Amino acid sequence: MVIEEELDRARVIGDDGTWLTAIEFRLVDVQSSLRGERRAIGRRAWRLSTGEPLTASMRAIWSRKSLP
């Protein structure tokens, strides 16, 4: 079973000047075996809270403000 783990959140400014929330996540494949549960760590990525992915060029220019 593949799940998404949230790693970080950041406030970012969109193209139109509005504040948005960017979420960093990673994919984790959880597998059961005779010796217990195993977790295979997958890729990490960022996306907006709306579900829109952030590309590398977008991440390079966004302003970051930590969330409370």
N, C-alpha and C. Protein backbone atom coordinates (compact mmCIF):
# COMPACT_ATOMS: atom_id res chain seq x y z
N MET A 1 0.85 -1.16 0.00
CA MET A 1 0.00 0.00 0.00
C MET A 1 0.90 1.24 0.00
N VAL A 2 0.65 2.15 -0.92
CA VAL A 2 1.43 3.39 -1.02
C VAL A 2 0.67 4.51 -0.33
N ILE A 3 1.37 5.21 0.56
CA ILE A 3 0.77 6.34 1.27
C ILE A 3 1.63 7.59 1.05
N GLU A 4 1.05 8.75 1.33
CA GLU A 4 1.79 10.01 1.28
C GLU A 4 1.99 10.50 2.70
N GLU A 5 3.23 10.85 3.04
CA GLU A 5 3.52 11.45 4.33
C GLU A 5 3.81 12.92 4.14
N GLU A 6 3.17 13.76 4.92
CA GLU A 6 3.44 15.20 4.86
C GLU A 6 4.71 15.50 5.65
N LEU A 7 5.64 16.24 5.04
CA LEU A 7 6.91 16.55 5.67
C LEU A 7 7.00 18.00 6.14
N ASP A 8 6.43 18.92 5.38
CA ASP A 8 6.59 20.34 5.69
C ASP A 8 5.47 21.13 5.02
N ARG A 9 5.21 22.30 5.57
CA ARG A 9 4.27 23.26 4.96
C ARG A 9 4.95 24.61 4.95
N ALA A 10 4.67 25.38 3.92
CA ALA A 10 5.24 26.73 3.81
C ALA A 10 4.21 27.65 3.17
N ARG A 11 4.21 28.91 3.58
CA ARG A 11 3.37 29.92 2.95
C ARG A 11 4.17 30.47 1.77
N VAL A 12 3.54 30.56 0.62
CA VAL A 12 4.20 31.05 -0.59
C VAL A 12 3.31 32.10 -1.25
N ILE A 13 3.93 32.92 -2.08
CA ILE A 13 3.19 33.95 -2.81
C ILE A 13 2.98 33.47 -4.24
N GLY A 14 1.72 33.48 -4.69
CA GLY A 14 1.39 33.04 -6.04
C GLY A 14 1.72 34.09 -7.08
N ASP A 15 1.53 33.74 -8.35
CA ASP A 15 1.80 34.65 -9.47
C ASP A 15 1.01 35.95 -9.36
N ASP A 16 -0.18 35.86 -8.81
CA ASP A 16 -1.04 37.05 -8.71
C ASP A 16 -0.87 37.79 -7.38
N GLY A 17 0.10 37.39 -6.57
CA GLY A 17 0.37 38.07 -5.31
C GLY A 17 -0.39 37.53 -4.11
N THR A 18 -1.22 36.52 -4.30
CA THR A 18 -1.97 35.95 -3.18
C THR A 18 -1.10 34.94 -2.43
N TRP A 19 -1.39 34.80 -1.13
CA TRP A 19 -0.68 33.82 -0.31
C TRP A 19 -1.30 32.45 -0.50
N LEU A 20 -0.45 31.44 -0.66
CA LEU A 20 -0.88 30.06 -0.84
C LEU A 20 -0.12 29.18 0.14
N THR A 21 -0.57 27.96 0.32
CA THR A 21 0.13 27.00 1.17
C THR A 21 0.76 25.92 0.29
N ALA A 22 2.08 25.74 0.43
CA ALA A 22 2.80 24.69 -0.29
C ALA A 22 3.08 23.56 0.70
N ILE A 23 2.90 22.33 0.26
CA ILE A 23 3.07 21.16 1.12
C ILE A 23 4.14 20.25 0.51
N GLU A 24 5.15 19.91 1.33
CA GLU A 24 6.16 18.93 0.90
C GLU A 24 5.69 17.56 1.39
N PHE A 25 5.76 16.57 0.51
CA PHE A 25 5.34 15.23 0.89
C PHE A 25 6.29 14.22 0.27
N ARG A 26 6.21 12.99 0.78
CA ARG A 26 6.96 11.89 0.17
C ARG A 26 6.05 10.67 0.10
N LEU A 27 6.34 9.83 -0.86
CA LEU A 27 5.60 8.59 -1.03
C LEU A 27 6.29 7.49 -0.22
N VAL A 28 5.50 6.66 0.43
CA VAL A 28 6.02 5.55 1.22
C VAL A 28 5.24 4.30 0.85
N ASP A 29 5.96 3.25 0.47
CA ASP A 29 5.34 1.97 0.14
C ASP A 29 5.45 1.08 1.38
N VAL A 30 4.31 0.74 1.97
CA VAL A 30 4.28 -0.09 3.17
C VAL A 30 3.95 -1.52 2.75
N GLN A 31 4.86 -2.44 3.10
CA GLN A 31 4.68 -3.85 2.72
C GLN A 31 4.75 -4.72 3.97
N SER A 32 3.91 -5.73 4.02
CA SER A 32 3.93 -6.68 5.14
C SER A 32 4.77 -7.88 4.74
N SER A 33 5.57 -8.36 5.69
CA SER A 33 6.37 -9.56 5.45
C SER A 33 6.28 -10.43 6.71
N LEU A 34 6.90 -11.59 6.66
CA LEU A 34 6.91 -12.47 7.83
C LEU A 34 7.63 -11.83 9.02
N ARG A 35 8.53 -10.92 8.75
CA ARG A 35 9.30 -10.27 9.81
C ARG A 35 8.70 -8.95 10.24
N GLY A 36 7.52 -8.63 9.72
CA GLY A 36 6.87 -7.39 10.12
C GLY A 36 6.66 -6.45 8.95
N GLU A 37 6.29 -5.24 9.29
CA GLU A 37 6.00 -4.23 8.28
C GLU A 37 7.29 -3.57 7.80
N ARG A 38 7.39 -3.38 6.50
CA ARG A 38 8.56 -2.70 5.91
C ARG A 38 8.09 -1.47 5.17
N ARG A 39 8.89 -0.42 5.27
CA ARG A 39 8.56 0.85 4.61
C ARG A 39 9.65 1.19 3.61
N ALA A 40 9.26 1.33 2.35
CA ALA A 40 10.19 1.75 1.30
C ALA A 40 9.91 3.22 1.01
N ILE A 41 10.90 4.06 1.27
CA ILE A 41 10.74 5.50 1.09
C ILE A 41 10.88 5.85 -0.38
N GLY A 42 9.93 6.61 -0.89
CA GLY A 42 9.93 7.01 -2.30
C GLY A 42 10.29 8.47 -2.49
N ARG A 43 9.83 9.02 -3.60
CA ARG A 43 10.21 10.38 -3.98
C ARG A 43 9.57 11.43 -3.09
N ARG A 44 10.21 12.60 -3.06
CA ARG A 44 9.68 13.77 -2.36
C ARG A 44 9.27 14.79 -3.40
N ALA A 45 8.25 15.56 -3.08
CA ALA A 45 7.77 16.58 -4.00
C ALA A 45 7.01 17.64 -3.21
N TRP A 46 6.76 18.76 -3.87
CA TRP A 46 5.96 19.85 -3.30
C TRP A 46 4.73 20.04 -4.16
N ARG A 47 3.64 20.43 -3.52
CA ARG A 47 2.43 20.82 -4.25
C ARG A 47 1.69 21.85 -3.41
N LEU A 48 0.80 22.57 -4.08
CA LEU A 48 -0.04 23.53 -3.37
C LEU A 48 -1.16 22.79 -2.65
N SER A 49 -1.75 23.43 -1.66
CA SER A 49 -2.87 22.81 -0.94
C SER A 49 -4.06 22.55 -1.86
N THR A 50 -4.09 23.22 -3.01
CA THR A 50 -5.14 22.99 -4.01
C THR A 50 -4.89 21.73 -4.82
N GLY A 51 -3.69 21.12 -4.68
CA GLY A 51 -3.35 19.91 -5.42
C GLY A 51 -2.44 20.16 -6.61
N GLU A 52 -2.24 21.43 -6.97
CA GLU A 52 -1.39 21.77 -8.12
C GLU A 52 0.08 21.53 -7.77
N PRO A 53 0.82 20.78 -8.60
CA PRO A 53 2.24 20.53 -8.30
C PRO A 53 3.09 21.78 -8.46
N LEU A 54 4.16 21.87 -7.67
CA LEU A 54 5.15 22.93 -7.82
C LEU A 54 6.34 22.36 -8.58
N THR A 55 6.74 23.02 -9.64
CA THR A 55 7.89 22.57 -10.42
C THR A 55 9.17 23.12 -9.80
N ALA A 56 10.31 22.61 -10.24
CA ALA A 56 11.59 23.08 -9.71
C ALA A 56 11.77 24.57 -9.94
N SER A 57 11.36 25.07 -11.09
CA SER A 57 11.53 26.50 -11.37
C SER A 57 10.63 27.32 -10.45
N MET A 58 9.44 26.83 -10.13
CA MET A 58 8.57 27.54 -9.20
C MET A 58 9.16 27.57 -7.80
N ARG A 59 9.73 26.45 -7.35
CA ARG A 59 10.30 26.39 -6.01
C ARG A 59 11.48 27.33 -5.87
N ALA A 60 12.20 27.55 -6.96
CA ALA A 60 13.38 28.41 -6.89
C ALA A 60 13.02 29.87 -6.66
N ILE A 61 11.80 30.27 -7.01
CA ILE A 61 11.45 31.68 -6.89
C ILE A 61 10.42 31.99 -5.82
N TRP A 62 9.84 30.98 -5.16
CA TRP A 62 8.81 31.33 -4.18
C TRP A 62 9.41 31.85 -2.89
N SER A 63 8.67 32.77 -2.28
CA SER A 63 9.06 33.34 -0.99
C SER A 63 8.52 32.44 0.10
N ARG A 64 9.35 32.14 1.06
CA ARG A 64 8.94 31.21 2.11
C ARG A 64 8.71 31.95 3.43
N LYS A 65 7.63 31.60 4.09
CA LYS A 65 7.33 32.11 5.42
C LYS A 65 6.81 30.93 6.21
N SER A 66 7.45 30.61 7.33
CA SER A 66 7.04 29.43 8.07
C SER A 66 5.65 29.61 8.68
N LEU A 67 4.94 28.50 8.74
CA LEU A 67 3.59 28.51 9.30
C LEU A 67 3.67 28.36 10.81
N PRO A 68 2.71 28.91 11.54
CA PRO A 68 2.70 28.75 13.01
C PRO A 68 2.44 27.32 13.41
